[in-house]
Amino acid sequence: MVQRLHLVFGGELVNPSSTQFVDPSKIDIVGMFPDYASAYAAWKAAAQRTVDDAHARYFIAHIHRLRDEESPASPTEELG
């Protein structure tokens, strides 16, 4: 079975209509999740905690999409 990892993260944005963080070193890493449903639940909880802050925003990154399962090794694996 293929594992589909999802990363939930967020923080304060420079502008609410952009995706640029004020201070990337202060990004809130909520966690890594094994499926979209659990990532969505974590994203929703984090977003609801910051609902009064218009500059705070959370995202779900589909980590499994960063890797090409058809190729034998990704470029970073070849470096290490």
Protein backbone atom coordinates (compact mmCIF):
# COMPACT_ATOMS: atom_id res chain seq x y z
CA MET A 1 0.00 0.00 0.00
CA VAL A 2 1.30 3.44 -0.94
CA GLN A 3 1.73 5.87 1.93
CA ARG A 4 0.52 9.41 1.17
CA LEU A 5 2.20 11.74 3.65
CA HIS A 6 0.88 15.25 4.32
CA LEU A 7 2.59 18.09 6.21
CA VAL A 8 0.52 20.71 8.03
CA PHE A 9 2.26 24.02 8.73
CA GLY A 10 1.51 27.71 9.00
CA GLY A 11 2.25 31.02 10.59
CA GLU A 12 2.10 34.76 10.15
CA LEU A 13 2.03 36.03 6.57
CA VAL A 14 3.38 39.36 5.32
CA ASN A 15 0.05 39.99 3.59
CA PRO A 16 -3.13 37.89 4.01
CA SER A 17 -3.44 37.55 0.22
CA SER A 18 0.09 36.13 -0.21
CA THR A 19 1.91 33.01 0.91
CA GLN A 20 5.10 34.75 2.09
CA PHE A 21 5.84 34.25 5.79
CA VAL A 22 6.96 37.16 7.98
CA ASP A 23 9.67 35.03 9.63
CA PRO A 24 10.22 31.55 8.15
CA SER A 25 12.15 30.51 11.27
CA LYS A 26 8.90 30.86 13.24
CA ILE A 27 6.75 28.64 11.01
CA ASP A 28 4.50 26.44 13.13
CA ILE A 29 5.01 22.82 12.07
CA VAL A 30 1.80 21.13 13.18
CA GLY A 31 2.97 17.72 12.03
CA MET A 32 3.23 14.99 9.41
CA PHE A 33 0.14 12.89 8.78
CA PRO A 34 -0.35 9.53 7.02
CA ASP A 35 -3.49 10.55 5.11
CA TYR A 36 -5.40 13.60 3.96
CA ALA A 37 -8.27 13.14 6.41
CA SER A 38 -6.05 13.36 9.49
CA ALA A 39 -4.05 16.22 7.94
CA TYR A 40 -7.28 18.09 7.24
CA ALA A 41 -8.45 17.65 10.84
CA ALA A 42 -5.11 19.01 12.13
CA TRP A 43 -5.22 21.90 9.63
CA LYS A 44 -8.76 22.79 10.65
CA ALA A 45 -7.87 22.79 14.36
CA ALA A 46 -4.81 25.00 13.77
CA ALA A 47 -6.76 27.38 11.53
CA GLN A 48 -9.55 27.68 14.10
CA ARG A 49 -7.04 28.54 16.85
CA THR A 50 -5.89 31.53 14.77
CA VAL A 51 -9.25 32.59 13.33
CA ASP A 52 -8.98 36.09 14.88
CA ASP A 53 -5.58 36.77 13.26
CA ALA A 54 -6.08 37.77 9.63
CA HIS A 55 -2.35 37.36 8.93
CA ALA A 56 -2.14 33.77 10.18
CA ARG A 57 -2.66 30.98 7.71
CA TYR A 58 -2.15 27.21 7.66
CA PHE A 59 -1.44 24.92 4.73
CA ILE A 60 -1.47 21.22 3.86
CA ALA A 61 1.52 20.12 1.76
CA HIS A 62 1.13 16.87 -0.15
CA ILE A 63 4.57 15.45 0.57
CA HIS A 64 3.89 12.32 -1.46
CA ARG A 65 3.65 14.49 -4.60
CA LEU A 66 7.26 15.67 -4.18
CA ARG A 67 8.62 12.25 -4.98
CA ASP A 68 8.43 10.66 -8.40
CA GLU A 69 7.67 7.03 -7.63
CA GLU A 70 8.47 6.03 -11.22
CA SER A 71 12.14 7.03 -11.03
CA PRO A 72 14.63 4.80 -9.17
CA ALA A 73 16.06 7.72 -7.14
CA SER A 74 15.30 11.38 -6.65
CA PRO A 75 18.10 13.94 -7.24
CA THR A 76 18.62 14.43 -3.48
CA GLU A 77 18.96 10.69 -2.90
CA GLU A 78 21.73 10.61 -5.51
CA LEU A 79 23.65 13.28 -3.57
CA GLY A 80 23.63 11.47 -0.25
